[in-house]
Protein backbone atom coordinates (compact mmCIF):
# COMPACT_ATOMS: atom_id res chain seq x y z
CA SER A 1 -6.30 23.29 18.96
CA ARG A 2 -9.54 23.25 20.95
CA GLY A 3 -7.63 23.13 24.38
CA LEU A 4 -5.99 19.58 23.80
CA GLY A 5 -2.66 20.61 23.58
CA ASP A 6 -1.61 18.51 26.84
CA VAL A 7 -3.37 15.51 25.55
CA TYR A 8 -0.88 15.26 22.63
CA LYS A 9 2.09 15.84 24.79
CA ARG A 10 1.76 12.79 26.73
CA GLN A 11 2.22 10.88 23.21
CA ARG A 12 5.99 12.49 22.66
CA LEU A 13 6.80 11.34 26.35
CA GLU A 14 9.15 8.20 26.44
CA ARG A 15 7.95 7.01 29.71
CA LYS A 16 3.83 7.43 29.75
CA HIS A 17 3.38 6.51 33.30
CA GLN A 18 3.98 7.94 36.59
CA VAL A 19 3.84 4.51 38.45
CA PRO A 20 5.31 1.76 36.01
CA PRO A 21 2.48 -1.05 35.29
CA PRO A 22 2.56 -4.22 37.13
CA PHE A 23 4.29 -6.25 34.31
CA GLU A 24 7.51 -3.76 34.59
CA ARG A 25 7.71 -3.93 38.10
CA LEU A 26 7.51 -7.56 38.21
CA ALA A 27 9.92 -8.10 35.23
CA SER A 28 12.96 -9.14 37.30
CA GLU A 29 11.12 -11.26 39.60
CA VAL A 30 9.26 -13.18 36.89
CA GLY A 31 12.49 -13.55 34.97
CA ALA A 32 14.22 -15.16 37.92
CA LEU A 33 11.41 -17.42 38.57
CA ALA A 34 10.91 -18.47 34.87
CA GLU A 35 14.54 -18.58 33.73
CA VAL A 36 16.39 -19.59 36.84
CA GLU A 37 13.78 -21.68 38.72
CA GLY A 38 12.13 -23.04 35.51
CA LEU A 39 8.82 -22.59 37.01
CA LEU A 40 5.60 -22.59 34.72
CA TYR A 41 3.79 -19.53 34.20
CA VAL A 42 0.75 -20.83 36.26
CA GLU A 43 3.23 -21.72 39.10
CA ILE A 44 4.43 -18.01 39.11
CA GLN A 45 1.04 -16.73 38.58
CA ASP A 46 0.07 -18.55 41.81
CA ARG A 47 3.13 -17.55 43.91
CA LEU A 48 2.90 -13.70 42.89
CA HIS A 49 -1.12 -13.61 42.70
CA VAL A 50 -1.11 -11.91 39.16
CA ASP A 51 -2.67 -13.02 35.94
CA LYS A 52 -0.97 -15.00 33.19
CA THR A 53 -1.08 -12.01 31.05
CA THR A 54 0.86 -10.22 33.45
CA VAL A 55 3.28 -12.98 33.90
CA SER A 56 3.71 -13.50 30.09
CA LYS A 57 4.46 -9.64 29.59
CA ALA A 58 6.87 -9.58 32.52
CA HIS A 59 8.90 -12.43 31.23
CA ASP A 60 8.96 -10.80 27.56
CA LYS A 61 10.06 -7.49 29.10
CA TYR A 62 12.73 -9.25 31.25
CA ARG A 63 13.87 -11.12 28.01
CA ALA A 64 14.01 -8.10 25.89
CA ASP A 65 15.93 -6.21 28.81
CA HIS A 66 18.48 -8.85 28.90
CA GLY A 67 18.63 -8.94 25.09
CA LEU A 68 17.02 -12.15 24.71
CA PRO A 69 14.17 -12.74 21.92
CA PRO A 70 10.62 -13.45 23.10
CA LEU A 71 9.53 -17.11 23.35
CA ASP A 72 6.30 -18.24 22.44
CA GLY A 73 4.68 -20.76 24.53
CA ARG A 74 5.60 -24.12 22.71
CA ALA A 75 9.20 -22.90 22.50
CA ARG A 76 9.26 -21.83 26.18
CA ARG A 77 7.66 -25.49 27.30
CA LYS A 78 10.51 -27.53 25.25
CA LEU A 79 13.09 -25.83 27.64
CA LEU A 80 11.24 -26.67 30.84
CA ASP A 81 12.02 -29.75 32.86
CA HIS A 82 8.60 -30.51 33.79
CA LYS A 83 5.56 -29.32 31.41
CA ASN A 84 2.52 -29.73 33.96
CA ARG A 85 1.95 -28.78 37.39
CA PRO A 86 2.23 -31.73 39.71
CA ARG A 87 -1.05 -33.36 40.84
CA PRO A 88 -1.83 -32.65 44.18
CA ASP A 89 -1.46 -36.15 45.33
CA GLU A 90 2.26 -36.19 43.99
CA GLN A 91 3.55 -33.19 45.65
CA SER A 92 4.63 -34.56 48.98
């Protein structure tokens, strides 16, 4: 046992974090921005000031929580109204 009993106890815990990771905390907000507003991941990451991986994991968690399958990038882009971020000269 070498005094490592507490280390292995963590493996049996359902919730391993005392504070949820960022993607879990942001899942509902990212889900609303992605599903309802139809924003691109790059637009969501700019708005929430997080990286693309966090946005992607949060969106996957949102979809899993709502019983929806995860989307890969190509399948998600097919569902969007716009595929690219507007150019700075077109935003007016």
